[in-house]
């Protein structure tokens, strides 16, 4: 087992291929230890080279609504008026602190997603 920091896309591809081959290795075995280390190195490389930005708060709300089969009327019952939902979705009104707290509590949307900056 030769583990080293992943610095190139070629090394990244090789690490992914190796991890695929030992992914189901038992914990505490040499292959299991190697799989764990490769996972950490791959994650570090991906975080640096392929970062995933958080969605804007409006997209996070829409995504959660889709997951919960909610429509705008149901969301209006959560945050207030139907016109307010329309204003928020059309970026004419920002989320208030009270709305953010309510959306987090009732829809379980992470605070990080709701407080992100958006247009």
PDB file of N, CA and C in Angstrom:
ATOM      1  N   UNK A   1       0.848  -1.171   0.000  1.00  0.00           N
ATOM      2  CA  UNK A   1       0.000   0.000   0.000  1.00  0.00           C
ATOM      3  C   UNK A   1       0.898   1.240   0.000  1.00  0.00           C
ATOM      4  N   UNK A   2       0.827   1.978  -1.092  1.00  0.00           N
ATOM      5  CA  UNK A   2       1.581   3.223  -1.184  1.00  0.00           C
ATOM      6  C   UNK A   2       0.567   4.363  -1.273  1.00  0.00           C
ATOM      7  N   UNK A   3       0.400   5.078  -0.184  1.00  0.00           N
ATOM      8  CA  UNK A   3      -0.548   6.183  -0.120  1.00  0.00           C
ATOM      9  C   UNK A   3       0.235   7.489  -0.195  1.00  0.00           C
ATOM     10  N   UNK A   4      -0.239   8.404  -1.057  1.00  0.00           N
ATOM     11  CA  UNK A   4       0.397   9.715  -1.150  1.00  0.00           C
ATOM     12  C   UNK A   4      -0.677  10.753  -1.456  1.00  0.00           C
ATOM     13  N   UNK A   5      -0.352  11.987  -1.233  1.00  0.00           N
ATOM     14  CA  UNK A   5      -1.275  13.089  -1.490  1.00  0.00           C
ATOM     15  C   UNK A   5      -1.606  13.114  -2.978  1.00  0.00           C
ATOM     16  N   UNK A   6      -2.891  13.333  -3.286  1.00  0.00           N
ATOM     17  CA  UNK A   6      -3.344  13.393  -4.674  1.00  0.00           C
ATOM     18  C   UNK A   6      -3.135  14.825  -5.170  1.00  0.00           C
ATOM     19  N   UNK A   7      -2.349  14.953  -6.255  1.00  0.00           N
ATOM     20  CA  UNK A   7      -2.010  16.285  -6.763  1.00  0.00           C
ATOM     21  C   UNK A   7      -2.489  16.537  -8.188  1.00  0.00           C
ATOM     22  N   UNK A   8      -2.798  15.493  -8.934  1.00  0.00           N
ATOM     23  CA  UNK A   8      -3.202  15.671 -10.328  1.00  0.00           C
ATOM     24  C   UNK A   8      -4.505  14.921 -10.598  1.00  0.00           C
ATOM     25  N   UNK A   9      -5.125  15.258 -11.724  1.00  0.00           N
ATOM     26  CA  UNK A   9      -6.345  14.544 -12.119  1.00  0.00           C
ATOM     27  C   UNK A   9      -6.049  13.075 -12.398  1.00  0.00           C
ATOM     28  N   UNK A  10      -4.860  12.789 -12.921  1.00  0.00           N
ATOM     29  CA  UNK A  10      -4.487  11.402 -13.195  1.00  0.00           C
ATOM     30  C   UNK A  10      -4.388  10.604 -11.883  1.00  0.00           C
ATOM     31  N   UNK A  11      -3.747  11.191 -10.891  1.00  0.00           N
ATOM     32  CA  UNK A  11      -3.646  10.524  -9.582  1.00  0.00           C
ATOM     33  C   UNK A  11      -5.032  10.373  -8.949  1.00  0.00           C
ATOM     34  N   UNK A  12      -5.872  11.371  -9.150  1.00  0.00           N
ATOM     35  CA  UNK A  12      -7.247  11.317  -8.637  1.00  0.00           C
ATOM     36  C   UNK A  12      -8.001  10.141  -9.267  1.00  0.00           C
ATOM     37  N   UNK A  13      -7.888   9.992 -10.586  1.00  0.00           N
ATOM     38  CA  UNK A  13      -8.555   8.895 -11.288  1.00  0.00           C
ATOM     39  C   UNK A  13      -8.033   7.547 -10.800  1.00  0.00           C
ATOM     40  N   UNK A  14      -6.722   7.441 -10.627  1.00  0.00           N
ATOM     41  CA  UNK A  14      -6.133   6.191 -10.128  1.00  0.00           C
ATOM     42  C   UNK A  14      -6.634   5.879  -8.718  1.00  0.00           C
ATOM     43  N   UNK A  15      -6.723   6.903  -7.881  1.00  0.00           N
ATOM     44  CA  UNK A  15      -7.207   6.694  -6.512  1.00  0.00           C
ATOM     45  C   UNK A  15      -8.660   6.223  -6.513  1.00  0.00           C
ATOM     46  N   UNK A  16      -9.475   6.809  -7.380  1.00  0.00           N
ATOM     47  CA  UNK A  16     -10.878   6.382  -7.481  1.00  0.00           C
ATOM     48  C   UNK A  16     -10.975   4.921  -7.925  1.00  0.00           C
ATOM     49  N   UNK A  17     -10.177   4.559  -8.903  1.00  0.00           N
ATOM     50  CA  UNK A  17     -10.185   3.167  -9.391  1.00  0.00           C
ATOM     51  C   UNK A  17      -9.747   2.208  -8.295  1.00  0.00           C
ATOM     52  N   UNK A  18      -8.710   2.579  -7.557  1.00  0.00           N
ATOM     53  CA  UNK A  18      -8.227   1.715  -6.463  1.00  0.00           C
ATOM     54  C   UNK A  18      -9.279   1.597  -5.368  1.00  0.00           C
ATOM     55  N   UNK A  19      -9.907   2.725  -5.024  1.00  0.00           N
ATOM     56  CA  UNK A  19     -10.933   2.693  -3.981  1.00  0.00           C
ATOM     57  C   UNK A  19     -12.106   1.814  -4.403  1.00  0.00           C
ATOM     58  N   UNK A  20     -12.462   1.882  -5.668  1.00  0.00           N
ATOM     59  CA  UNK A  20     -13.562   1.034  -6.159  1.00  0.00           C
ATOM     60  C   UNK A  20     -13.236  -0.442  -5.961  1.00  0.00           C
ATOM     61  N   UNK A  21     -11.980  -0.810  -6.149  1.00  0.00           N
ATOM     62  CA  UNK A  21     -11.570  -2.206  -6.012  1.00  0.00           C
ATOM     63  C   UNK A  21     -11.541  -2.702  -4.577  1.00  0.00           C
ATOM     64  N   UNK A  22     -11.361  -1.794  -3.606  1.00  0.00           N
ATOM     65  CA  UNK A  22     -11.249  -2.223  -2.201  1.00  0.00           C
ATOM     66  C   UNK A  22     -12.355  -1.628  -1.322  1.00  0.00           C
ATOM     67  N   UNK A  23     -13.353  -1.068  -1.946  1.00  0.00           N
ATOM     68  CA  UNK A  23     -14.396  -0.351  -1.215  1.00  0.00           C
ATOM     69  C   UNK A  23     -15.070  -1.209  -0.141  1.00  0.00           C
ATOM     70  N   UNK A  24     -15.308  -2.458  -0.408  1.00  0.00           N
ATOM     71  CA  UNK A  24     -16.016  -3.332   0.530  1.00  0.00           C
ATOM     72  C   UNK A  24     -15.088  -4.072   1.495  1.00  0.00           C
ATOM     73  N   UNK A  25     -13.850  -3.638   1.592  1.00  0.00           N
ATOM     74  CA  UNK A  25     -12.895  -4.302   2.486  1.00  0.00           C
ATOM     75  C   UNK A  25     -13.337  -4.150   3.941  1.00  0.00           C
ATOM     76  N   UNK A  26     -13.033  -5.149   4.721  1.00  0.00           N
ATOM     77  CA  UNK A  26     -13.394  -5.151   6.140  1.00  0.00           C
ATOM     78  C   UNK A  26     -12.546  -4.129   6.902  1.00  0.00           C
ATOM     79  N   UNK A  27     -13.183  -3.457   7.873  1.00  0.00           N
ATOM     80  CA  UNK A  27     -12.451  -2.524   8.738  1.00  0.00           C
ATOM     81  C   UNK A  27     -11.375  -3.268   9.502  1.00  0.00           C
ATOM     82  N   UNK A  28     -10.257  -2.580   9.708  1.00  0.00           N
ATOM     83  CA  UNK A  28      -9.175  -3.178  10.488  1.00  0.00           C
ATOM     84  C   UNK A  28      -8.228  -4.032   9.667  1.00  0.00           C
ATOM     85  N   UNK A  29      -8.559  -4.268   8.401  1.00  0.00           N
ATOM     86  CA  UNK A  29      -7.651  -5.011   7.523  1.00  0.00           C
ATOM     87  C   UNK A  29      -6.792  -4.000   6.770  1.00  0.00           C
ATOM     88  N   UNK A  30      -5.673  -4.457   6.194  1.00  0.00           N
ATOM     89  CA  UNK A  30      -4.850  -3.518   5.412  1.00  0.00           C
ATOM     90  C   UNK A  30      -5.640  -2.829   4.286  1.00  0.00           C
ATOM     91  N   UNK A  31      -6.480  -3.587   3.584  1.00  0.00           N
ATOM     92  CA  UNK A  31      -7.293  -2.987   2.524  1.00  0.00           C
ATOM     93  C   UNK A  31      -8.336  -2.026   3.098  1.00  0.00           C
ATOM     94  N   UNK A  32      -8.883  -2.355   4.242  1.00  0.00           N
ATOM     95  CA  UNK A  32      -9.848  -1.473   4.891  1.00  0.00           C
ATOM     96  C   UNK A  32      -9.219  -0.152   5.299  1.00  0.00           C
ATOM     97  N   UNK A  33      -8.004  -0.237   5.846  1.00  0.00           N
ATOM     98  CA  UNK A  33      -7.272   0.979   6.225  1.00  0.00           C
ATOM     99  C   UNK A  33      -6.937   1.817   4.987  1.00  0.00           C
ATOM    100  N   UNK A  34      -6.523   1.133   3.932  1.00  0.00           N
ATOM    101  CA  UNK A  34      -6.199   1.842   2.688  1.00  0.00           C
ATOM    102  C   UNK A  34      -7.442   2.524   2.121  1.00  0.00           C
ATOM    103  N   UNK A  35      -8.578   1.858   2.152  1.00  0.00           N
ATOM    104  CA  UNK A  35      -9.826   2.443   1.644  1.00  0.00           C
ATOM    105  C   UNK A  35     -10.188   3.699   2.435  1.00  0.00           C
ATOM    106  N   UNK A  36     -10.020   3.633   3.743  1.00  0.00           N
ATOM    107  CA  UNK A  36     -10.334   4.798   4.579  1.00  0.00           C
ATOM    108  C   UNK A  36      -9.414   5.973   4.247  1.00  0.00           C
ATOM    109  N   UNK A  37      -8.127   5.706   4.119  1.00  0.00           N
ATOM    110  CA  UNK A  37      -7.172   6.767   3.782  1.00  0.00           C
ATOM    111  C   UNK A  37      -7.434   7.337   2.385  1.00  0.00           C
ATOM    112  N   UNK A  38      -7.713   6.467   1.427  1.00  0.00           N
ATOM    113  CA  UNK A  38      -8.016   6.948   0.076  1.00  0.00           C
ATOM    114  C   UNK A  38      -9.266   7.824   0.076  1.00  0.00           C
ATOM    115  N   UNK A  39     -10.255   7.432   0.837  1.00  0.00           N
ATOM    116  CA  UNK A  39     -11.477   8.229   0.931  1.00  0.00           C
ATOM    117  C   UNK A  39     -11.196   9.635   1.438  1.00  0.00           C
ATOM    118  N   UNK A  40     -10.345   9.737   2.433  1.00  0.00           N
ATOM    119  CA  UNK A  40      -9.979  11.044   2.991  1.00  0.00           C
ATOM    120  C   UNK A  40      -9.225  11.876   1.955  1.00  0.00           C
ATOM    121  N   UNK A  41      -8.272  11.261   1.265  1.00  0.00           N
ATOM    122  CA  UNK A  41      -7.477  11.976   0.265  1.00  0.00           C
ATOM    123  C   UNK A  41      -8.335  12.405  -0.932  1.00  0.00           C
ATOM    124  N   UNK A  42      -9.227  11.528  -1.360  1.00  0.00           N
ATOM    125  CA  UNK A  42     -10.121  11.851  -2.478  1.00  0.00           C
ATOM    126  C   UNK A  42     -11.035  13.010  -2.107  1.00  0.00           C
ATOM    127  N   UNK A  43     -11.583  12.967  -0.907  1.00  0.00           N
ATOM    128  CA  UNK A  43     -12.467  14.044  -0.454  1.00  0.00           C
ATOM    129  C   UNK A  43     -11.718  15.383  -0.419  1.00  0.00           C
ATOM    130  N   UNK A  44     -10.492  15.368   0.077  1.00  0.00           N
ATOM    131  CA  UNK A  44      -9.681  16.594   0.130  1.00  0.00           C
ATOM    132  C   UNK A  44      -9.433  17.133  -1.271  1.00  0.00           C
ATOM    133  N   UNK A  45      -9.076  16.265  -2.199  1.00  0.00           N
ATOM    134  CA  UNK A  45      -8.824  16.692  -3.582  1.00  0.00           C
ATOM    135  C   UNK A  45     -10.093  17.267  -4.208  1.00  0.00           C
ATOM    136  N   UNK A  46     -11.216  16.603  -4.012  1.00  0.00           N
ATOM    137  CA  UNK A  46     -12.488  17.082  -4.578  1.00  0.00           C
ATOM    138  C   UNK A  46     -12.890  18.425  -3.981  1.00  0.00           C
ATOM    139  N   UNK A  47     -12.706  18.596  -2.680  1.00  0.00           N
ATOM    140  CA  UNK A  47     -13.041  19.869  -2.039  1.00  0.00           C
ATOM    141  C   UNK A  47     -12.219  21.018  -2.621  1.00  0.00           C
ATOM    142  N   UNK A  48     -10.962  20.741  -2.947  1.00  0.00           N
ATOM    143  CA  UNK A  48     -10.086  21.779  -3.478  1.00  0.00           C
ATOM    144  C   UNK A  48     -10.292  22.040  -4.965  1.00  0.00           C
ATOM    145  N   UNK A  49     -10.575  20.987  -5.728  1.00  0.00           N
ATOM    146  CA  UNK A  49     -10.622  21.117  -7.189  1.00  0.00           C
ATOM    147  C   UNK A  49     -12.040  21.113  -7.776  1.00  0.00           C
ATOM    148  N   UNK A  50     -12.992  20.589  -7.064  1.00  0.00           N
ATOM    149  CA  UNK A  50     -14.366  20.513  -7.560  1.00  0.00           C
ATOM    150  C   UNK A  50     -15.352  20.930  -6.473  1.00  0.00           C
ATOM    151  N   UNK A  51     -15.186  22.148  -5.951  1.00  0.00           N
ATOM    152  CA  UNK A  51     -16.073  22.557  -4.852  1.00  0.00           C
ATOM    153  C   UNK A  51     -17.526  22.669  -5.321  1.00  0.00           C
ATOM    154  N   UNK A  52     -18.422  22.321  -4.432  1.00  0.00           N
ATOM    155  CA  UNK A  52     -19.855  22.423  -4.709  1.00  0.00           C
ATOM    156  C   UNK A  52     -20.383  23.560  -3.857  1.00  0.00           C
ATOM    157  N   UNK A  53     -20.866  24.584  -4.534  1.00  0.00           N
ATOM    158  CA  UNK A  53     -21.398  25.724  -3.807  1.00  0.00           C
ATOM    159  C   UNK A  53     -22.816  25.428  -3.351  1.00  0.00           C
ATOM    160  N   UNK A  54     -23.162  25.994  -2.226  1.00  0.00           N
ATOM    161  CA  UNK A  54     -24.517  25.823  -1.703  1.00  0.00           C
ATOM    162  C   UNK A  54     -25.506  26.526  -2.626  1.00  0.00           C
ATOM    163  N   UNK A  55     -26.700  25.966  -2.770  1.00  0.00           N
ATOM    164  CA  UNK A  55     -27.695  26.627  -3.610  1.00  0.00           C
ATOM    165  C   UNK A  55     -28.151  27.921  -2.954  1.00  0.00           C
ATOM    166  N   UNK A  56     -28.701  28.821  -3.757  1.00  0.00           N
ATOM    167  CA  UNK A  56     -29.225  30.023  -3.123  1.00  0.00           C
ATOM    168  C   UNK A  56     -30.453  29.631  -2.301  1.00  0.00           C
ATOM    169  N   UNK A  57     -30.809  30.427  -1.318  1.00  0.00           N
ATOM    170  CA  UNK A  57     -31.904  30.067  -0.414  1.00  0.00           C
ATOM    171  C   UNK A  57     -33.219  29.762  -1.125  1.00  0.00           C
ATOM    172  N   UNK A  58     -33.526  30.487  -2.180  1.00  0.00           N
ATOM    173  CA  UNK A  58     -34.783  30.260  -2.887  1.00  0.00           C
ATOM    174  C   UNK A  58     -34.787  28.877  -3.535  1.00  0.00           C
ATOM    175  N   UNK A  59     -33.668  28.500  -4.146  1.00  0.00           N
ATOM    176  CA  UNK A  59     -33.575  27.169  -4.752  1.00  0.00           C
ATOM    177  C   UNK A  59     -33.642  26.075  -3.683  1.00  0.00           C
ATOM    178  N   UNK A  60     -33.065  26.330  -2.519  1.00  0.00           N
ATOM    179  CA  UNK A  60     -33.135  25.360  -1.417  1.00  0.00           C
ATOM    180  C   UNK A  60     -34.581  25.169  -0.961  1.00  0.00           C
ATOM    181  N   UNK A  61     -35.320  26.253  -0.888  1.00  0.00           N
ATOM    182  CA  UNK A  61     -36.730  26.173  -0.488  1.00  0.00           C
ATOM    183  C   UNK A  61     -37.524  25.398  -1.539  1.00  0.00           C
ATOM    184  N   UNK A  62     -37.328  25.732  -2.799  1.00  0.00           N
ATOM    185  CA  UNK A  62     -38.054  25.039  -3.875  1.00  0.00           C
ATOM    186  C   UNK A  62     -37.728  23.548  -3.893  1.00  0.00           C
ATOM    187  N   UNK A  63     -36.452  23.225  -3.679  1.00  0.00           N
ATOM    188  CA  UNK A  63     -36.040  21.814  -3.661  1.00  0.00           C
ATOM    189  C   UNK A  63     -36.741  21.076  -2.529  1.00  0.00           C
ATOM    190  N   UNK A  64     -36.760  21.679  -1.345  1.00  0.00           N
ATOM    191  CA  UNK A  64     -37.399  21.036  -0.195  1.00  0.00           C
ATOM    192  C   UNK A  64     -38.897  20.904  -0.410  1.00  0.00           C
ATOM    193  N   UNK A  65     -39.502  21.924  -1.017  1.00  0.00           N
ATOM    194  CA  UNK A  65     -40.932  21.852  -1.318  1.00  0.00           C
ATOM    195  C   UNK A  65     -41.222  20.685  -2.256  1.00  0.00           C
ATOM    196  N   UNK A  66     -40.366  20.514  -3.253  1.00  0.00           N
ATOM    197  CA  UNK A  66     -40.539  19.404  -4.197  1.00  0.00           C
ATOM    198  C   UNK A  66     -40.434  18.069  -3.465  1.00  0.00           C
ATOM    199  N   UNK A  67     -39.456  17.963  -2.577  1.00  0.00           N
ATOM    200  CA  UNK A  67     -39.289  16.726  -1.804  1.00  0.00           C
ATOM    201  C   UNK A  67     -40.529  16.411  -0.971  1.00  0.00           C
ATOM    202  N   UNK A  68     -41.164  17.463  -0.454  1.00  0.00           N
ATOM    203  CA  UNK A  68     -42.319  17.287   0.435  1.00  0.00           C
ATOM    204  C   UNK A  68     -43.654  17.377  -0.305  1.00  0.00           C
ATOM    205  N   UNK A  69     -43.590  17.468  -1.634  1.00  0.00           N
ATOM    206  CA  UNK A  69     -44.804  17.609  -2.452  1.00  0.00           C
ATOM    207  C   UNK A  69     -45.651  18.794  -2.005  1.00  0.00           C
ATOM    208  N   UNK A  70     -44.988  19.903  -1.736  1.00  0.00           N
ATOM    209  CA  UNK A  70     -45.674  21.122  -1.303  1.00  0.00           C
ATOM    210  C   UNK A  70     -45.903  22.038  -2.497  1.00  0.00           C
ATOM    211  N   UNK A  71     -46.970  22.799  -2.435  1.00  0.00           N
ATOM    212  CA  UNK A  71     -47.181  23.839  -3.431  1.00  0.00           C
ATOM    213  C   UNK A  71     -47.022  25.196  -2.753  1.00  0.00           C
ATOM    214  N   UNK A  72     -47.155  26.260  -3.531  1.00  0.00           N
ATOM    215  CA  UNK A  72     -46.975  27.606  -2.979  1.00  0.00           C
ATOM    216  C   UNK A  72     -47.993  27.923  -1.898  1.00  0.00           C
ATOM    217  N   UNK A  73     -49.184  27.390  -2.041  1.00  0.00           N
ATOM    218  CA  UNK A  73     -50.230  27.633  -1.042  1.00  0.00           C
ATOM    219  C   UNK A  73     -49.821  27.029   0.308  1.00  0.00           C
ATOM    220  N   UNK A  74     -49.264  25.838   0.277  1.00  0.00           N
ATOM    221  CA  UNK A  74     -48.820  25.188   1.516  1.00  0.00           C
ATOM    222  C   UNK A  74     -47.659  25.961   2.139  1.00  0.00           C
ATOM    223  N   UNK A  75     -46.770  26.489   1.288  1.00  0.00           N
ATOM    224  CA  UNK A  75     -45.666  27.286   1.815  1.00  0.00           C
ATOM    225  C   UNK A  75     -46.188  28.576   2.438  1.00  0.00           C
ATOM    226  N   UNK A  76     -47.211  29.159   1.835  1.00  0.00           N
ATOM    227  CA  UNK A  76     -47.802  30.382   2.384  1.00  0.00           C
ATOM    228  C   UNK A  76     -48.335  30.137   3.787  1.00  0.00           C
ATOM    229  N   UNK A  77     -48.835  28.945   4.047  1.00  0.00           N
ATOM    230  CA  UNK A  77     -49.326  28.605   5.386  1.00  0.00           C
ATOM    231  C   UNK A  77     -48.175  28.530   6.388  1.00  0.00           C
ATOM    232  N   UNK A  78     -46.981  28.249   5.885  1.00  0.00           N
ATOM    233  CA  UNK A  78     -45.812  28.149   6.753  1.00  0.00           C
ATOM    234  C   UNK A  78     -45.234  29.528   7.056  1.00  0.00           C
ATOM    235  N   UNK A  79     -45.073  30.362   6.029  1.00  0.00           N
ATOM    236  CA  UNK A  79     -44.380  31.642   6.237  1.00  0.00           C
ATOM    237  C   UNK A  79     -45.284  32.863   6.221  1.00  0.00           C
ATOM    238  N   UNK A  80     -46.534  32.677   5.937  1.00  0.00           N
ATOM    239  CA  UNK A  80     -47.419  33.843   5.944  1.00  0.00           C
ATOM    240  C   UNK A  80     -48.251  33.941   4.691  1.00  0.00           C
ATOM    241  N   UNK A  81     -48.289  35.085   4.121  1.00  0.00           N
ATOM    242  CA  UNK A  81     -49.183  35.385   3.010  1.00  0.00           C
ATOM    243  C   UNK A  81     -48.728  34.771   1.691  1.00  0.00           C
ATOM    244  N   UNK A  82     -49.725  34.462   0.839  1.00  0.00           N
ATOM    245  CA  UNK A  82     -49.436  33.921  -0.482  1.00  0.00           C
ATOM    246  C   UNK A  82     -48.649  34.934  -1.319  1.00  0.00           C
ATOM    247  N   UNK A  83     -48.994  36.203  -1.185  1.00  0.00           N
ATOM    248  CA  UNK A  83     -48.278  37.241  -1.944  1.00  0.00           C
ATOM    249  C   UNK A  83     -46.809  37.314  -1.517  1.00  0.00           C
ATOM    250  N   UNK A  84     -46.541  37.027  -0.265  1.00  0.00           N
ATOM    251  CA  UNK A  84     -45.163  37.047   0.234  1.00  0.00           C
ATOM    252  C   UNK A  84     -44.348  35.930  -0.425  1.00  0.00           C
ATOM    253  N   UNK A  85     -44.957  34.769  -0.612  1.00  0.00           N
ATOM    254  CA  UNK A  85     -44.273  33.659  -1.280  1.00  0.00           C
ATOM    255  C   UNK A  85     -43.895  34.078  -2.694  1.00  0.00           C
ATOM    256  N   UNK A  86     -44.815  34.697  -3.374  1.00  0.00           N
ATOM    257  CA  UNK A  86     -44.564  35.157  -4.736  1.00  0.00           C
ATOM    258  C   UNK A  86     -43.438  36.186  -4.761  1.00  0.00           C
ATOM    259  N   UNK A  87     -43.446  37.116  -3.848  1.00  0.00           N
ATOM    260  CA  UNK A  87     -42.399  38.139  -3.785  1.00  0.00           C
ATOM    261  C   UNK A  87     -41.028  37.519  -3.522  1.00  0.00           C
ATOM    262  N   UNK A  88     -40.984  36.535  -2.646  1.00  0.00           N
ATOM    263  CA  UNK A  88     -39.717  35.866  -2.325  1.00  0.00           C
ATOM    264  C   UNK A  88     -39.213  35.091  -3.531  1.00  0.00           C
ATOM    265  N   UNK A  89     -40.090  34.327  -4.168  1.00  0.00           N
ATOM    266  CA  UNK A  89     -39.677  33.524  -5.320  1.00  0.00           C
ATOM    267  C   UNK A  89     -39.272  34.385  -6.517  1.00  0.00           C
ATOM    268  N   UNK A  90     -39.797  35.589  -6.606  1.00  0.00           N
ATOM    269  CA  UNK A  90     -39.439  36.504  -7.689  1.00  0.00           C
ATOM    270  C   UNK A  90     -38.304  37.447  -7.296  1.00  0.00           C
ATOM    271  N   UNK A  91     -37.668  37.164  -6.148  1.00  0.00           N
ATOM    272  CA  UNK A  91     -36.534  37.941  -5.639  1.00  0.00           C
ATOM    273  C   UNK A  91     -36.886  39.414  -5.417  1.00  0.00           C
ATOM    274  N   UNK A  92     -38.128  39.679  -5.076  1.00  0.00           N
ATOM    275  CA  UNK A  92     -38.542  41.049  -4.774  1.00  0.00           C
ATOM    276  C   UNK A  92     -38.517  41.306  -3.271  1.00  0.00           C
ATOM    277  N   UNK A  93     -38.427  40.255  -2.492  1.00  0.00           N
ATOM    278  CA  UNK A  93     -38.373  40.365  -1.041  1.00  0.00           C
ATOM    279  C   UNK A  93     -37.369  39.346  -0.523  1.00  0.00           C
ATOM    280  N   UNK A  94     -36.560  39.776   0.421  1.00  0.00           N
ATOM    281  CA  UNK A  94     -35.598  38.878   1.062  1.00  0.00           C
ATOM    282  C   UNK A  94     -36.281  38.123   2.192  1.00  0.00           C
ATOM    283  N   UNK A  95     -35.710  37.012   2.542  1.00  0.00           N
ATOM    284  CA  UNK A  95     -36.211  36.253   3.690  1.00  0.00           C
ATOM    285  C   UNK A  95     -35.909  37.029   4.968  1.00  0.00           C
ATOM    286  N   UNK A  96     -36.879  37.098   5.838  1.00  0.00           N
ATOM    287  CA  UNK A  96     -36.660  37.734   7.135  1.00  0.00           C
ATOM    288  C   UNK A  96     -36.092  36.692   8.095  1.00  0.00           C
ATOM    289  N   UNK A  97     -35.572  37.158   9.201  1.00  0.00           N
ATOM    290  CA  UNK A  97     -35.044  36.247  10.213  1.00  0.00           C
ATOM    291  C   UNK A  97     -36.141  35.303  10.715  1.00  0.00           C
ATOM    292  N   UNK A  98     -37.329  35.839  10.903  1.00  0.00           N
ATOM    293  CA  UNK A  98     -38.450  35.008  11.357  1.00  0.00           C
ATOM    294  C   UNK A  98     -38.782  33.930  10.323  1.00  0.00           C
ATOM    295  N   UNK A  99     -38.769  34.287   9.038  1.00  0.00           N
ATOM    296  CA  UNK A  99     -39.037  33.300   7.982  1.00  0.00           C
ATOM    297  C   UNK A  99     -37.969  32.221   7.973  1.00  0.00           C
ATOM    298  N   UNK A 100     -36.712  32.632   8.114  1.00  0.00           N
ATOM    299  CA  UNK A 100     -35.605  31.671   8.122  1.00  0.00           C
ATOM    300  C   UNK A 100     -35.772  30.684   9.264  1.00  0.00           C
ATOM    301  N   UNK A 101     -36.091  31.185  10.430  1.00  0.00           N
ATOM    302  CA  UNK A 101     -36.291  30.294  11.588  1.00  0.00           C
ATOM    303  C   UNK A 101     -37.457  29.343  11.350  1.00  0.00           C
ATOM    304  N   UNK A 102     -38.546  29.865  10.813  1.00  0.00           N
ATOM    305  CA  UNK A 102     -39.734  29.041  10.564  1.00  0.00           C
ATOM    306  C   UNK A 102     -39.442  27.971   9.512  1.00  0.00           C
ATOM    307  N   UNK A 103     -38.770  28.358   8.430  1.00  0.00           N
ATOM    308  CA  UNK A 103     -38.436  27.393   7.379  1.00  0.00           C
ATOM    309  C   UNK A 103     -37.514  26.303   7.911  1.00  0.00           C
ATOM    310  N   UNK A 104     -36.595  26.694   8.763  1.00  0.00           N
ATOM    311  CA  UNK A 104     -35.693  25.701   9.364  1.00  0.00           C
ATOM    312  C   UNK A 104     -36.473  24.738  10.269  1.00  0.00           C
ATOM    313  N   UNK A 105     -37.328  25.286  11.103  1.00  0.00           N
ATOM    314  CA  UNK A 105     -38.068  24.456  12.056  1.00  0.00           C
ATOM    315  C   UNK A 105     -39.103  23.571  11.377  1.00  0.00           C
ATOM    316  N   UNK A 106     -39.861  24.127  10.450  1.00  0.00           N
ATOM    317  CA  UNK A 106     -40.983  23.373   9.865  1.00  0.00           C
ATOM    318  C   UNK A 106     -40.590  22.528   8.656  1.00  0.00           C
ATOM    319  N   UNK A 107     -39.640  23.016   7.850  1.00  0.00           N
ATOM    320  CA  UNK A 107     -39.255  22.277   6.649  1.00  0.00           C
ATOM    321  C   UNK A 107     -37.896  21.593   6.788  1.00  0.00           C
ATOM    322  N   UNK A 108     -37.231  21.854   7.903  1.00  0.00           N
ATOM    323  CA  UNK A 108     -35.917  21.249   8.190  1.00  0.00           C
ATOM    324  C   UNK A 108     -34.869  21.615   7.138  1.00  0.00           C
ATOM    325  N   UNK A 109     -34.946  22.841   6.638  1.00  0.00           N
ATOM    326  CA  UNK A 109     -33.926  23.339   5.715  1.00  0.00           C
ATOM    327  C   UNK A 109     -32.783  23.876   6.575  1.00  0.00           C
ATOM    328  N   UNK A 110     -31.548  23.462   6.306  1.00  0.00           N
ATOM    329  CA  UNK A 110     -30.431  23.925   7.129  1.00  0.00           C
ATOM    330  C   UNK A 110     -30.289  25.452   7.105  1.00  0.00           C
ATOM    331  N   UNK A 111     -29.952  25.990   8.251  1.00  0.00           N
ATOM    332  CA  UNK A 111     -29.737  27.437   8.351  1.00  0.00           C
ATOM    333  C   UNK A 111     -28.721  27.919   7.311  1.00  0.00           C
ATOM    334  N   UNK A 112     -27.656  27.121   7.103  1.00  0.00           N
ATOM    335  CA  UNK A 112     -26.603  27.518   6.158  1.00  0.00           C
ATOM    336  C   UNK A 112     -27.168  27.788   4.781  1.00  0.00           C
ATOM    337  N   UNK A 113     -28.141  27.001   4.373  1.00  0.00           N
ATOM    338  CA  UNK A 113     -28.754  27.188   3.054  1.00  0.00           C
ATOM    339  C   UNK A 113     -29.639  28.418   3.022  1.00  0.00           C
ATOM    340  N   UNK A 114     -30.296  28.718   4.126  1.00  0.00           N
ATOM    341  CA  UNK A 114     -31.247  29.829   4.162  1.00  0.00           C
ATOM    342  C   UNK A 114     -30.588  31.185   4.329  1.00  0.00           C
ATOM    343  N   UNK A 115     -29.398  31.222   4.922  1.00  0.00           N
ATOM    344  CA  UNK A 115     -28.761  32.524   5.149  1.00  0.00           C
ATOM    345  C   UNK A 115     -27.730  32.876   4.082  1.00  0.00           C
ATOM    346  N   UNK A 116     -27.531  31.994   3.101  1.00  0.00           N
ATOM    347  CA  UNK A 116     -26.582  32.280   2.036  1.00  0.00           C
ATOM    348  C   UNK A 116     -27.015  33.535   1.276  1.00  0.00           C
ATOM    349  N   UNK A 117     -26.033  34.247   0.756  1.00  0.00           N
ATOM    350  CA  UNK A 117     -26.299  35.474   0.010  1.00  0.00           C
ATOM    351  C   UNK A 117     -26.932  35.117  -1.336  1.00  0.00           C
ATOM    352  N   UNK A 118     -27.859  35.932  -1.775  1.00  0.00           N
ATOM    353  CA  UNK A 118     -28.500  35.725  -3.078  1.00  0.00           C
ATOM    354  C   UNK A 118     -29.006  37.059  -3.610  1.00  0.00           C
ATOM    355  N   UNK A 119     -29.350  37.070  -4.902  1.00  0.00           N
ATOM    356  CA  UNK A 119     -29.812  38.303  -5.552  1.00  0.00           C
ATOM    357  C   UNK A 119     -31.161  38.722  -5.052  1.00  0.00           C
TER     358      UNK A 119
END
